[in-house]
Protein backbone atom coordinates (compact mmCIF):
# COMPACT_ATOMS: atom_id res chain seq x y z
CA MET A 1 109.02 68.66 54.40
CA ASP A 2 106.40 71.11 54.26
CA VAL A 3 107.16 74.60 56.73
CA ARG A 4 103.66 73.63 58.33
CA ASP A 5 104.47 70.31 59.37
CA VAL A 6 107.12 71.49 61.19
CA LEU A 7 105.04 74.52 62.47
CA VAL A 8 101.76 73.17 63.12
CA PRO A 9 102.81 70.78 66.36
CA GLN A 10 103.95 73.77 68.09
CA PHE A 11 101.76 76.47 66.88
CA GLY A 12 98.75 74.43 65.40
CA SER A 13 96.27 76.61 67.01
CA CYS A 14 97.25 80.24 66.03
CA LEU A 15 98.49 78.97 62.60
CA ASN A 16 94.98 78.33 61.64
CA TYR A 17 96.03 75.00 59.72
CA THR A 18 93.73 72.54 58.25
CA PRO A 19 95.13 68.97 56.77
CA GLU A 20 93.10 69.91 53.58
CA MET A 21 95.10 72.64 52.28
CA PRO A 22 97.36 71.98 49.14
CA HIS A 23 101.01 71.58 49.93
CA TYR A 24 103.36 73.46 48.39
CA SER A 25 105.42 72.19 45.67
CA GLY A 26 108.43 73.43 43.59
CA THR A 27 109.51 77.13 43.68
CA MET A 28 105.88 78.12 45.60
CA LYS A 29 106.58 78.27 49.19
CA PRO A 30 105.43 80.34 51.90
CA SER A 31 107.81 83.02 52.94
CA VAL A 32 108.61 83.24 56.59
CA SER A 33 106.84 86.33 57.06
CA THR A 34 103.03 84.45 55.69
CA CYS A 35 104.27 81.84 58.63
CA LEU A 36 105.04 83.66 61.68
CA TRP A 37 102.28 86.58 60.94
CA PRO A 38 99.87 84.62 62.58
CA LEU A 39 102.04 84.03 65.76
CA VAL A 40 103.50 87.69 65.74
CA SER A 41 99.59 88.96 65.48
CA THR A 42 98.60 86.73 68.43
CA TYR A 43 101.49 88.35 70.92
CA LEU A 44 101.64 91.82 69.67
CA PRO A 45 98.89 93.58 71.40
CA THR A 46 100.36 91.66 74.30
CA LEU A 47 104.04 93.23 73.57
CA ALA A 48 102.47 96.59 72.56
CA SER A 49 101.19 97.10 76.44
CA GLY A 50 104.84 96.38 77.32
CA VAL A 51 106.42 98.87 75.20
CA LEU A 52 103.83 101.73 75.72
CA LEU A 53 103.56 101.28 79.54
CA ALA A 54 107.69 101.57 79.46
CA TRP A 55 107.01 105.14 77.78
CA CYS A 56 105.18 106.18 80.27
CA PHE A 57 108.00 106.54 82.29
CA PRO A 58 110.89 108.57 82.18
CA THR A 59 112.65 108.89 80.50
CA TYR A 60 109.87 109.34 77.95
CA HIS A 61 107.29 110.01 80.54
CA LEU A 62 104.87 110.05 78.47
CA TYR A 63 102.31 109.87 81.69
CA TRP A 64 99.47 110.22 79.69
CA LEU A 65 99.73 107.53 78.00
CA ALA A 66 99.36 105.00 80.98
CA TRP A 67 95.46 105.49 81.08
CA VAL A 68 95.40 103.22 77.85
CA ALA A 69 98.82 101.32 77.65
CA LEU A 70 97.55 98.47 79.17
CA ALA A 71 94.25 97.83 77.35
CA PRO A 72 95.81 96.18 74.53
CA LEU A 73 96.97 93.68 76.70
CA PHE A 74 93.80 93.24 78.97
CA PHE A 75 91.92 93.17 75.51
CA ARG A 76 93.79 90.34 74.13
CA THR A 77 93.37 88.15 77.28
CA ALA A 78 89.90 88.42 78.20
CA SER A 79 88.75 85.67 76.63
CA LEU A 80 91.65 83.41 76.59
CA PRO A 81 91.80 80.63 78.93
CA PRO A 82 93.93 81.35 82.35
CA LEU A 83 97.48 79.39 81.90
CA THR A 84 97.67 81.37 78.12
CA THR A 85 96.80 84.79 80.37
CA ALA A 86 98.64 83.97 82.56
CA LEU A 87 101.61 83.32 79.44
CA HIS A 88 100.47 86.95 78.24
CA PHE A 89 100.96 88.80 81.31
CA PHE A 90 104.42 87.33 82.07
CA LEU A 91 105.80 88.22 78.63
CA CYS A 92 104.73 91.87 78.91
CA GLY A 93 105.77 92.37 82.20
CA HIS A 94 108.95 91.00 81.10
CA LEU A 95 109.72 93.40 78.22
CA PHE A 96 107.83 96.51 80.64
CA HIS A 97 110.93 95.66 82.88
CA THR A 98 113.36 95.04 80.59
CA LEU A 99 113.10 98.20 79.65
CA THR A 100 112.00 100.48 82.53
CA LEU A 101 114.86 98.74 85.03
CA GLN A 102 117.62 99.46 81.91
CA TRP A 103 119.90 101.25 84.09
CA LEU A 104 120.51 98.17 86.46
CA CYS A 105 122.58 97.35 83.41
CA ALA A 106 124.67 100.50 83.96
CA ASN A 107 126.36 98.23 87.14
CA ILE A 108 128.14 96.50 84.24
CA PHE A 109 131.36 98.44 84.37
CA TRP A 110 131.50 97.58 88.24
CA ALA A 111 129.95 94.31 88.17
CA GLY A 112 130.54 92.60 84.38
CA GLY A 113 128.51 90.74 83.26
CA TRP A 114 126.50 89.88 86.15
CA ALA A 115 124.93 93.22 86.28
CA PHE A 116 122.86 91.82 82.86
CA ILE A 117 121.83 88.64 84.61
CA GLY A 118 121.00 90.26 87.74
CA GLN A 119 118.79 92.48 85.83
CA GLN A 120 117.16 89.88 84.06
CA PHE A 121 116.70 88.03 87.33
CA LEU A 122 114.56 90.86 88.76
CA CYS A 123 112.60 91.12 85.81
CA PHE A 124 111.41 87.40 85.78
CA ALA A 125 110.91 87.59 89.63
CA LEU A 126 108.55 90.91 88.93
CA SER A 127 106.95 89.61 85.91
CA LEU A 128 105.98 86.10 87.61
CA CYS A 129 104.23 88.74 89.75
CA TRP A 130 102.32 89.82 86.70
CA ALA A 131 101.55 86.28 85.59
CA VAL A 132 99.94 85.04 88.86
CA THR A 133 98.22 88.45 88.26
CA GLY A 134 96.50 87.46 85.16
CA LEU A 135 96.35 83.75 86.52
CA VAL A 136 93.84 84.77 88.99
CA TRP A 137 91.79 87.32 87.25
CA ALA A 138 91.57 84.94 83.97
CA ILE A 139 89.48 82.37 86.36
CA ALA A 140 87.94 84.97 88.28
CA HIS A 141 86.54 86.63 85.48
CA GLY A 142 85.63 82.63 83.65
CA ARG A 143 83.54 81.83 86.35
CA SER A 144 82.27 85.27 87.21
CA SER A 145 81.22 87.96 85.02
CA ARG A 146 79.99 90.08 87.60
CA PHE A 147 82.51 89.96 90.49
CA GLY A 148 85.74 89.48 87.76
CA GLY A 149 85.21 91.86 86.15
CA ALA A 150 87.37 95.28 85.59
CA LEU A 151 87.38 96.46 89.64
CA CYS A 152 88.54 92.64 90.52
CA LEU A 153 91.37 93.47 87.99
CA ALA A 154 92.41 96.36 89.38
CA GLY A 155 92.08 95.45 92.95
CA LEU A 156 94.37 91.90 91.79
CA TRP A 157 96.41 94.99 90.45
CA ALA A 158 96.95 96.73 93.86
CA ALA A 159 97.59 93.71 96.04
CA MET A 160 100.61 92.34 93.31
CA GLU A 161 101.87 95.78 93.84
CA VAL A 162 101.86 95.82 97.55
CA VAL A 163 103.49 92.49 97.62
CA GLN A 164 106.34 93.71 95.47
CA ALA A 165 106.98 96.64 98.11
CA ARG A 166 107.01 94.67 101.26
CA ALA A 167 107.95 90.89 100.00
CA PHE A 168 111.77 89.97 100.93
CA SER A 169 113.90 93.33 100.35
CA GLY A 170 110.72 94.76 98.38
CA PHE A 171 111.19 96.69 95.17
CA GLY A 172 107.91 98.79 94.44
CA TRP A 173 110.12 100.77 91.84
CA CYS A 174 107.49 100.02 88.47
CA ALA A 175 104.47 100.89 90.36
CA LEU A 176 102.13 102.14 87.80
CA GLY A 177 101.68 105.34 90.11
CA TYR A 178 104.94 106.74 89.73
CA THR A 179 103.93 107.48 85.76
CA GLN A 180 101.64 110.53 87.20
CA GLY A 181 103.98 112.50 89.27
CA PRO A 182 103.84 115.24 86.40
CA ASP A 183 99.66 115.49 86.37
CA LEU A 184 99.82 116.94 89.74
CA LEU A 185 96.08 116.77 89.36
CA ALA A 186 95.90 113.40 89.30
CA ALA A 187 99.15 112.39 91.61
CA GLN A 188 97.06 114.75 94.80
CA PHE A 189 95.47 111.51 94.96
CA ALA A 190 98.54 109.54 96.57
CA ALA A 191 97.58 112.03 99.70
CA ILE A 192 94.74 109.60 100.38
CA GLY A 193 95.54 106.34 98.96
CA GLY A 194 99.12 106.61 98.10
CA VAL A 195 100.89 105.64 94.91
CA THR A 196 98.79 101.92 94.93
CA LEU A 197 95.63 103.99 94.59
CA LEU A 198 96.85 105.87 91.56
CA SER A 199 97.68 102.55 89.83
CA PHE A 200 94.40 100.85 90.77
CA CYS A 201 92.74 104.27 89.03
CA VAL A 202 94.68 103.20 86.34
CA VAL A 203 94.56 100.43 86.07
CA LEU A 204 90.52 100.54 86.23
CA VAL A 205 90.51 102.72 83.38
CA ASN A 206 92.47 100.47 81.40
CA ALA A 207 90.26 97.30 81.87
CA LEU A 208 87.07 99.00 81.56
CA ILE A 209 88.23 100.09 77.63
CA ALA A 210 89.42 96.68 76.69
CA LEU A 211 85.96 95.13 78.60
CA ILE A 212 84.05 97.52 76.23
CA LEU A 213 85.84 96.57 73.37
CA SER A 214 85.78 92.94 74.13
CA ASP A 215 82.22 92.28 76.11
CA GLU A 216 78.76 93.51 75.22
CA GLU A 217 77.50 93.12 78.80
CA PHE A 218 77.73 96.50 80.82
CA ARG A 219 79.00 97.84 77.56
CA ILE A 220 77.13 101.65 78.20
CA GLN A 221 77.50 101.11 81.82
CA ARG A 222 80.99 100.97 81.01
CA LEU A 223 81.14 103.68 78.70
CA VAL A 224 79.69 106.29 80.94
CA ALA A 225 81.99 105.29 83.49
CA VAL A 226 85.45 105.95 81.62
CA PRO A 227 84.80 109.76 81.94
CA LEU A 228 83.49 109.68 85.15
CA LEU A 229 86.13 108.24 86.60
CA LEU A 230 88.68 110.18 84.82
CA GLY A 231 87.18 113.62 85.51
CA LEU A 232 86.49 112.14 88.89
CA VAL A 233 90.42 111.80 89.73
CA HIS A 234 91.52 115.07 88.36
CA GLY A 235 88.15 116.79 89.48
CA GLY A 236 88.93 115.56 92.82
CA GLY A 237 92.87 116.35 92.37
CA TYR A 238 91.75 120.19 91.32
CA LEU A 239 89.81 120.69 94.62
CA LEU A 240 93.19 118.64 96.60
CA LEU A 241 95.40 121.19 94.97
CA LYS A 242 96.60 123.80 97.06
CA ASP A 243 99.23 126.79 97.86
CA ALA A 244 101.96 125.74 99.80
CA ASP A 245 102.48 127.84 102.51
CA TYR A 246 105.56 129.40 103.21
CA ALA A 247 104.47 132.12 105.80
CA SER A 248 103.48 130.43 108.98
CA ALA A 249 107.32 128.64 109.22
CA PRO A 250 109.65 130.70 106.92
CA LEU A 251 112.91 128.52 106.66
CA GLN A 252 115.73 128.94 103.74
CA THR A 253 117.35 125.82 102.88
CA GLY A 254 120.63 125.24 100.39
CA VAL A 255 120.92 122.37 98.37
CA ILE A 256 124.70 121.14 96.81
CA GLN A 257 125.10 118.90 93.93
CA PRO A 258 129.20 118.51 93.86
CA ASN A 259 128.94 115.98 90.95
CA PHE A 260 131.70 113.49 92.09
CA SER A 261 132.38 110.07 89.81
CA GLN A 262 132.14 107.17 91.65
CA GLU A 263 135.71 106.53 90.86
CA MET A 264 136.13 109.80 92.96
CA LYS A 265 134.37 108.29 95.84
CA TRP A 266 136.33 105.00 95.62
CA ASP A 267 140.06 106.85 95.69
CA PRO A 268 141.34 107.59 99.02
CA ALA A 269 143.40 110.20 97.13
CA TYR A 270 139.98 112.39 96.47
CA ASP A 271 138.41 112.00 100.35
CA TYR A 272 139.80 115.52 101.65
CA GLU A 273 139.52 117.10 98.41
CA MET A 274 135.87 116.14 98.10
CA LEU A 275 134.91 117.86 101.29
CA GLN A 276 137.05 120.78 100.65
CA ARG A 277 135.15 121.30 97.24
CA THR A 278 131.82 120.67 98.79
CA ALA A 279 132.53 123.15 101.77
CA GLN A 280 133.41 125.98 99.17
CA MET A 281 130.21 125.30 97.50
CA THR A 282 128.62 126.22 100.57
CA ARG A 283 130.47 129.07 101.15
CA ALA A 284 130.17 130.54 97.99
CA LEU A 285 126.00 129.90 98.38
CA THR A 286 125.66 131.44 102.15
CA THR A 287 128.19 134.41 101.55
CA SER A 288 125.65 135.59 98.94
CA ARG A 289 122.07 135.02 100.64
CA PRO A 290 121.15 134.16 104.45
CA VAL A 291 120.51 130.33 104.61
CA ASP A 292 119.21 128.10 107.90
CA LEU A 293 120.10 124.73 106.06
CA VAL A 294 122.69 123.45 104.00
CA VAL A 295 122.21 119.94 102.68
CA TRP A 296 124.88 117.65 101.39
CA PRO A 297 124.60 114.34 99.60
CA GLU A 298 124.89 110.83 100.19
CA ALA A 299 128.25 109.26 101.93
CA LEU A 300 129.78 112.55 100.69
CA ILE A 301 132.29 111.67 103.56
CA VAL A 302 133.33 108.52 102.30
CA ARG A 303 135.42 107.29 105.65
CA HIS A 304 135.04 107.10 109.02
CA PHE A 305 132.81 110.03 110.50
CA GLU A 306 134.73 110.42 113.62
CA ASN A 307 138.60 110.47 111.90
CA PRO A 308 139.35 113.87 113.74
CA VAL A 309 140.25 115.28 110.21
CA PHE A 310 136.78 115.01 108.35
CA LYS A 311 134.98 116.08 111.63
CA GLU A 312 137.39 119.38 112.15
CA ALA A 313 136.82 119.81 108.17
CA LEU A 314 133.19 119.37 108.37
CA SER A 315 132.57 121.13 112.15
CA ARG A 316 134.67 124.19 110.51
CA ALA A 317 132.46 124.38 107.06
CA ALA A 318 129.26 124.70 109.34
CA VAL A 319 131.01 127.64 111.32
CA ASP A 320 132.35 129.12 108.24
CA SER A 321 128.83 129.16 106.62
CA GLY A 322 126.56 129.98 109.68
CA SER A 323 124.29 127.40 109.16
CA TYR A 324 123.18 123.90 110.12
CA ILE A 325 125.03 121.17 107.73
CA PHE A 326 123.22 118.27 106.89
CA THR A 327 125.54 115.36 105.36
CA GLY A 328 125.89 112.00 104.03
CA THR A 329 128.57 110.10 105.60
CA THR A 330 129.68 106.41 107.25
CA ARG A 331 130.43 105.47 110.43
CA ASP A 332 132.13 102.22 111.73
CA ASP A 333 130.98 100.67 115.19
CA TYR A 334 134.73 99.62 116.12
CA GLY A 335 133.01 97.69 119.03
CA THR A 336 130.53 95.34 116.68
CA SER A 337 132.80 96.06 113.66
CA LYS A 338 130.23 96.65 111.84
CA ASN A 339 130.15 99.26 109.13
CA TYR A 340 126.89 102.25 108.43
CA ASN A 341 125.14 104.41 105.83
CA SER A 342 124.72 107.19 107.67
CA SER A 343 123.57 111.08 108.08
CA ALA A 344 124.40 113.52 110.36
CA LEU A 345 122.94 116.78 111.32
CA ILE A 346 125.78 119.56 112.35
CA THR A 347 125.23 123.15 114.23
CA PRO A 348 126.04 126.47 112.98
CA GLU A 349 128.39 126.17 116.15
CA GLY A 350 130.49 122.96 114.87
CA ASN A 351 128.42 120.45 117.23
CA LEU A 352 126.59 117.58 116.48
CA VAL A 353 122.94 117.22 116.87
CA GLY A 354 122.33 113.34 116.19
CA ILE A 355 123.01 111.13 113.63
CA TYR A 356 121.02 108.29 111.65
CA ASP A 357 122.11 105.02 110.40
CA LYS A 358 120.14 103.59 107.49
CA VAL A 359 117.55 100.96 108.36
CA HIS A 360 116.36 99.55 105.14
CA LEU A 361 119.71 98.71 103.26
CA ALA A 362 120.19 98.02 99.25
CA ALA A 363 120.16 94.49 97.75
CA PHE A 364 123.54 93.54 96.33
CA GLY A 365 124.67 96.97 96.84
CA GLU A 366 124.80 97.00 100.52
CA TYR A 367 124.18 93.96 101.68
CA VAL A 368 123.97 90.21 99.94
CA PRO A 369 121.04 88.21 100.47
CA LEU A 370 121.21 84.46 101.58
CA GLU A 371 125.62 85.13 101.42
CA ASN A 372 125.95 82.91 103.96
CA TYR A 373 124.32 79.92 101.61
CA PHE A 374 126.11 81.01 97.87
CA PRO A 375 129.31 82.86 99.40
CA PHE A 376 130.09 83.26 95.54
CA LEU A 377 127.63 86.28 95.57
CA SER A 378 129.62 88.03 97.79
CA LYS A 379 132.04 88.13 95.26
CA ILE A 380 130.39 89.62 92.76
CA ALA A 381 127.72 91.77 94.42
CA PHE A 382 128.48 94.75 97.30
CA GLY A 383 127.81 94.10 100.51
CA GLY A 384 129.33 94.67 104.17
CA VAL A 385 127.19 97.60 105.38
CA SER A 386 124.56 96.65 108.30
CA PRO A 387 121.26 97.93 108.94
CA GLY A 388 120.37 100.91 111.42
CA GLU A 389 117.99 99.83 114.70
CA LYS A 390 115.42 102.35 114.20
CA GLN A 391 114.48 105.51 112.23
CA VAL A 392 114.25 108.87 114.08
CA THR A 393 113.92 112.15 113.74
CA LEU A 394 116.76 115.47 114.05
CA PRO A 395 115.52 118.59 115.70
CA LEU A 396 115.97 121.80 113.32
CA LYS A 397 115.33 125.51 114.82
CA ASP A 398 111.40 125.24 115.30
CA ARG A 399 111.10 122.48 113.11
CA ASP A 400 112.19 117.90 113.18
CA LEU A 401 114.06 116.66 110.28
CA GLY A 402 113.18 113.40 108.91
CA PRO A 403 115.92 111.49 106.95
CA LEU A 404 115.66 109.01 104.26
CA ILE A 405 118.61 107.41 102.52
CA CYS A 406 119.05 106.46 99.20
CA PHE A 407 117.06 103.53 98.81
CA GLU A 408 114.69 104.07 101.37
CA VAL A 409 112.92 106.95 99.27
CA LEU A 410 111.50 103.89 97.69
CA PHE A 411 108.94 102.88 100.62
CA ALA A 412 106.09 104.90 101.87
CA PRO A 413 105.98 103.16 105.21
CA LEU A 414 109.23 104.50 105.84
CA ALA A 415 108.18 108.17 105.53
CA GLU A 416 105.04 107.79 107.06
CA LYS A 417 106.33 106.36 110.40
CA LEU A 418 108.97 109.80 109.86
CA ARG A 419 105.61 112.19 109.94
CA HIS A 420 103.97 110.15 112.75
CA ALA A 421 107.29 110.64 115.24
CA GLY A 422 106.80 114.28 114.57
CA ALA A 423 109.26 114.87 111.17
CA GLU A 424 107.93 118.61 109.35
CA LEU A 425 109.87 118.15 106.54
CA LEU A 426 112.05 114.94 104.54
CA VAL A 427 115.30 115.16 103.49
CA VAL A 428 116.53 112.52 100.86
CA VAL A 429 120.32 112.13 100.26
CA THR A 430 121.42 109.78 97.29
CA ASN A 431 124.25 108.99 95.10
CA LEU A 432 123.33 107.91 91.76
CA ALA A 433 126.86 108.15 90.46
CA TRP A 434 126.71 104.16 90.27
CA PHE A 435 123.73 104.61 87.19
CA GLY A 436 125.50 107.30 85.43
CA GLY A 437 123.39 109.36 83.30
CA SER A 438 120.52 106.89 83.14
CA ASN A 439 116.90 106.87 83.40
CA ALA A 440 117.52 105.82 87.36
CA ILE A 441 117.98 109.67 87.90
CA PRO A 442 114.19 111.09 86.74
CA GLN A 443 112.75 107.83 88.09
CA GLU A 444 114.56 108.03 91.36
CA LEU A 445 113.21 111.82 91.40
CA GLU A 446 109.36 111.04 90.63
CA ILE A 447 109.23 108.19 93.73
CA ALA A 448 110.38 111.13 96.06
CA ARG A 449 107.61 113.31 94.33
CA MET A 450 105.44 110.93 95.92
CA ARG A 451 106.80 111.12 99.20
CA ALA A 452 106.24 114.84 99.48
CA ILE A 453 102.60 114.22 98.33
CA GLU A 454 101.72 111.62 100.50
CA THR A 455 103.15 112.39 103.75
CA ARG A 456 101.87 116.39 102.67
CA LEU A 457 105.63 117.15 103.93
CA PRO A 458 107.89 119.36 102.29
CA LEU A 459 111.28 117.55 100.85
CA ILE A 460 114.64 118.29 100.18
CA HIS A 461 116.24 116.14 97.74
CA SER A 462 119.89 116.20 97.56
CA SER A 463 122.16 114.39 95.02
CA ASN A 464 125.89 113.51 94.10
CA THR A 465 124.82 113.35 90.66
CA GLY A 466 121.81 113.57 89.00
CA ILE A 467 118.84 116.27 89.85
CA SER A 468 118.73 118.32 93.43
CA GLY A 469 116.03 120.29 94.29
CA VAL A 470 113.14 121.25 96.71
CA PHE A 471 109.52 119.55 96.89
CA ASP A 472 106.78 121.09 98.43
CA PRO A 473 104.07 119.29 100.11
CA TYR A 474 101.69 119.08 96.95
CA GLY A 475 104.59 117.55 94.45
CA ARG A 476 105.69 121.09 92.87
CA PHE A 477 109.41 120.52 91.85
CA SER A 478 112.19 123.77 92.38
CA VAL A 479 115.48 122.48 91.08
CA VAL A 480 118.91 124.11 91.31
CA ARG A 481 119.81 126.36 88.97
CA HIS A 482 122.95 127.96 90.20
CA THR A 483 127.01 126.99 89.62
CA VAL A 484 129.93 128.28 91.19
CA SER A 485 132.96 129.91 89.31
CA PRO A 486 136.48 129.23 89.73
CA GLU A 487 136.91 132.30 91.96
CA GLY A 488 134.22 131.11 93.79
CA GLU A 489 131.40 133.10 92.52
CA LEU A 490 127.81 132.41 92.36
CA LEU A 491 126.33 132.32 88.91
CA ASP A 492 122.79 131.63 87.80
CA TRP A 493 122.46 128.98 85.10
CA GLY A 494 119.50 130.96 83.71
CA VAL A 495 115.99 130.51 83.11
CA LYS A 496 115.82 127.08 82.11
CA VAL A 497 114.84 125.22 85.22
CA ARG A 498 113.74 121.38 83.86
CA PRO A 499 115.55 118.64 85.75
CA LYS A 500 117.13 117.60 82.42
CA HIS A 501 119.24 120.94 81.83
CA VAL A 502 121.27 120.06 85.43
CA VAL A 503 121.50 116.11 84.91
CA MET A 504 125.44 115.10 85.39
CA ARG A 505 126.36 118.79 86.43
CA ARG A 506 127.56 120.77 89.42
CA PHE A 507 124.81 123.03 90.50
CA LEU A 508 124.13 124.29 94.02
CA ASP A 509 120.80 126.83 94.91
CA SER A 510 118.59 127.86 97.89
CA PHE A 511 114.87 127.36 98.40
CA PRO A 512 112.47 128.84 100.78
CA LEU A 513 110.71 125.39 102.65
CA ALA A 514 107.12 125.32 102.66
CA ALA A 515 104.86 124.56 105.85
CA PRO A 516 103.49 121.03 106.26
CA THR A 517 100.00 120.54 105.10
CA ALA A 518 96.93 118.58 106.86
CA ARG A 519 96.30 115.38 104.67
CA PRO A 520 92.61 114.98 103.39
CA LEU A 521 92.65 111.28 105.18
CA PRO A 522 94.50 109.93 108.05
CA GLY A 523 96.91 106.83 107.03
CA GLY A 524 96.57 107.02 103.76
CA PRO A 525 99.51 105.43 102.02
CA VAL A 526 99.80 102.74 104.89
CA PHE A 527 95.91 101.28 105.27
CA PHE A 528 94.76 102.17 101.23
CA PRO A 529 96.90 99.85 99.14
CA TRP A 530 95.57 97.08 102.00
CA LEU A 531 91.98 97.92 101.59
CA LEU A 532 92.33 98.14 97.10
CA ALA A 533 94.07 94.28 98.01
CA PHE A 534 91.66 92.86 99.92
CA ILE A 535 88.97 94.22 97.78
CA GLY A 536 90.83 92.77 94.80
CA VAL A 537 91.48 89.49 96.43
CA GLY A 538 87.44 89.31 97.79
CA MET A 539 86.21 90.03 94.61
CA ALA A 540 87.83 87.01 93.39
CA VAL A 541 86.88 84.67 96.02
CA LEU A 542 83.01 85.83 95.24
CA ALA A 543 84.15 85.21 91.67
CA PHE A 544 85.36 81.53 92.42
CA VAL A 545 82.23 80.81 94.96
CA GLN A 546 79.51 82.11 92.90
CA PRO A 547 79.09 79.06 90.48
CA VAL A 548 79.64 76.51 93.28
CA TYR A 549 76.96 78.50 95.39
CA THR A 550 74.53 79.29 92.43
CA ARG A 551 74.15 75.25 92.11
CA PHE A 552 74.00 74.47 95.76
CA THR A 553 70.79 76.89 95.72
CA GLU A 554 69.14 75.51 92.89
CA THR A 555 69.60 71.97 94.26
CA GLU A 556 68.14 73.12 97.31
CA CYS A 557 65.15 74.69 95.36
CA SER A 558 64.44 71.76 93.09
CA SER A 559 64.54 69.35 96.78
CA HIS A 560 62.46 71.98 98.56
CA GLU A 561 59.92 72.29 95.43
CA ALA A 562 59.50 68.34 95.58
CA GLU A 563 58.95 68.01 99.20
CA LEU A 564 56.08 70.87 98.77
CA LYS A 565 54.49 68.95 95.60
CA PRO A 566 51.05 67.18 96.45
CA GLU A 567 50.87 63.33 96.18
CA SER A 568 49.31 62.44 92.47
CA GLN A 569 46.27 60.48 93.05
CA PRO A 570 45.13 57.05 92.14
CA GLU A 571 43.26 56.58 88.84
CA THR A 572 39.66 55.38 89.24
CA LYS A 573 38.05 53.45 86.58
CA SER A 574 35.07 55.43 85.13
CA LYS A 575 31.75 53.31 85.08
CA PRO A 576 30.32 52.61 81.67
CA LYS A 577 26.78 54.17 80.89
CA ARG A 578 23.87 51.77 81.88
CA GLY A 579 22.79 49.86 78.58
CA GLY A 580 25.95 50.36 76.76
CA ASN A 581 28.09 47.87 75.38
CA ALA A 582 31.06 49.34 74.27
CA LYS A 583 33.99 48.10 74.87
CA ALA A 584 37.18 49.36 76.95
CA PRO A 585 39.39 51.06 74.03
CA LYS A 586 42.65 49.45 73.73
CA GLY A 587 45.94 51.69 74.78
CA PRO A 588 47.02 53.05 78.01
CA ALA A 589 43.69 52.89 79.76
CA GLY A 590 42.93 49.37 78.46
CA GLY A 591 45.82 48.08 79.40
CA GLY A 592 46.69 47.10 75.89
CA PRO A 593 49.73 48.12 74.08
CA ARG A 594 50.12 52.09 73.71
CA THR A 595 49.43 52.70 70.03
CA ASN A 596 49.40 56.22 68.34
CA PRO A 597 46.05 56.64 66.83
CA ALA A 598 45.60 57.24 63.05
CA PRO A 599 45.25 60.63 61.71
CA ARG A 600 42.58 61.76 60.46
CA LYS A 601 41.55 62.60 56.93
CA ARG A 602 40.21 66.03 55.66
CA LYS A 603 36.63 65.76 54.14
CA SER A 604 36.93 65.81 50.80
CA LYS A 605 33.91 67.86 49.02
CA GLY A 606 31.13 65.97 46.74
CA LYS A 607 29.45 63.16 45.74
CA ASN A 608 31.54 60.68 48.07
CA ASP A 609 30.87 62.92 51.15
CA GLY A 610 28.77 60.20 52.80
CA SER A 611 30.55 57.44 52.10
CA ALA A 612 34.90 58.93 53.50
CA SER A 613 32.57 59.87 56.57
CA LYS A 614 31.31 56.30 56.88
CA GLN A 615 34.43 54.74 56.34
CA GLU A 616 36.62 57.26 58.63
CA GLU A 617 34.46 56.79 61.78
CA PHE A 618 35.03 52.68 60.95
CA LEU A 619 38.79 53.01 61.17
CA LEU A 620 38.09 55.15 64.67
CA ASN A 621 36.05 52.18 66.33
CA PRO A 622 37.11 48.81 64.43
CA ASP A 623 34.92 47.13 67.00
CA GLN A 624 31.70 48.67 65.93
CA GLU A 625 30.19 47.00 63.22
């Protein structure tokens, strides 16, 4: 049996198989590469887009590549049937999410093989959103090149990211706009329309490039549109990017990154020691320079916050430092038997200003979805944490502080609510020890950058492990670069301040905090994503409706023209001339059968011209003699 007889039923169209081709015999057999190359070449652009797009995110963070990374996928699917297009989008999305979310597999040390299964399930769900987007765009593009073009695809992509960020628990971690954080010019557009607007622009440029290569219609207009759009994004960002204001509301803040391993945080024997070490680092910082606020990371106090031992040690640390201390902690409500992931603010006098309970929990990390229906999930995932009732702001000197805990930084509406509630600075506390030194650390930092740009508020980022520092309202980042000697002396790490130099190290530092900045347009990260989604869905609907509407209008016009056309007049027989004895010619006018007239013969030159003309006249009028 020939190899083609096996492969053709499965992949006949992509193998270009023809029955007339001679079969190989003897030692002449097709190689595996020869048979599989058509199949590989079919999906090569799709897989290339998945890899290139993953490189746009940290760790590699080739952010400029995002403007062309999706072009191979869009080019490959521009003329494919809808279902085939959906398959290509799904494959590209699954490869991209598997590479980008590889940090989820770091939990394999805590959850075993279920960590990989859970990661693949999440990638599958997110890739289904890609498949639906590709399916709708392919149908719209096939029905109308006018409404189903690049703008439609970019709008549908924005709608997909809105759904991903809000459906069920929401997971918008892989939004394309997060790739543009290092490009501060382009990133300023997040202040207008949130990270979704950046994703919209990135997809629009990719779609235009793909359609330039695949469609000759409007090619010149698209060639002009690509540099204009890139120029608009970066030129507009240049106008929006300004110097931060540090003079109008001065505030000095300190950030502590203690770098405790997850094993230490789970061991009750280290509870008090971790608090004492952090307090020691705080004293080393505040004795060397004046600090108004010191921020400790998430869940530094892993036992009940009201425990007298921990509460007294925390109050003493605040009094010794002479600063406000904002720390992550846990809280138990014995009346309702609920546990909360919380953060608390302590005054320099050691008093409690207020406490915030996390409202948006992380699925399978703090609670188990559908636990009542699938009890076995509670054995392989972490849960038991209850959500808080509402978001709050905490007063700090002349400013109000807006707290966000870990996973909450992923949701732009939460940061937006804090700004509307009067927050003048955001504080994000997190614990990334779960994920070791994986790419989750720089990816989470880029998400925090976008929250600062969207709200135009300074943001303090304190992580137990990873990268800690301060963002100004325009997304500029100042990273911690000091450490403490065994004698308690503050040591400068040096001039190297790139984030990769502080991952998984024990650091602390103090920074001046910028004042809040007015936003270019109100309601950006909340209003604009829905507007862009409406544009995409609306253009897809128009593409679906246009052919039907065109046929309907053509039918109406035809019937209208038929009504306006005058009725034909009845034919009248012409009277013969007086004295004429010619009979009516046979044919349609005379009622006889329709016959084709005999063709005329050319008159030949010579002696027979007269007789030929008479013969021709007789053939044309046989009734005349």
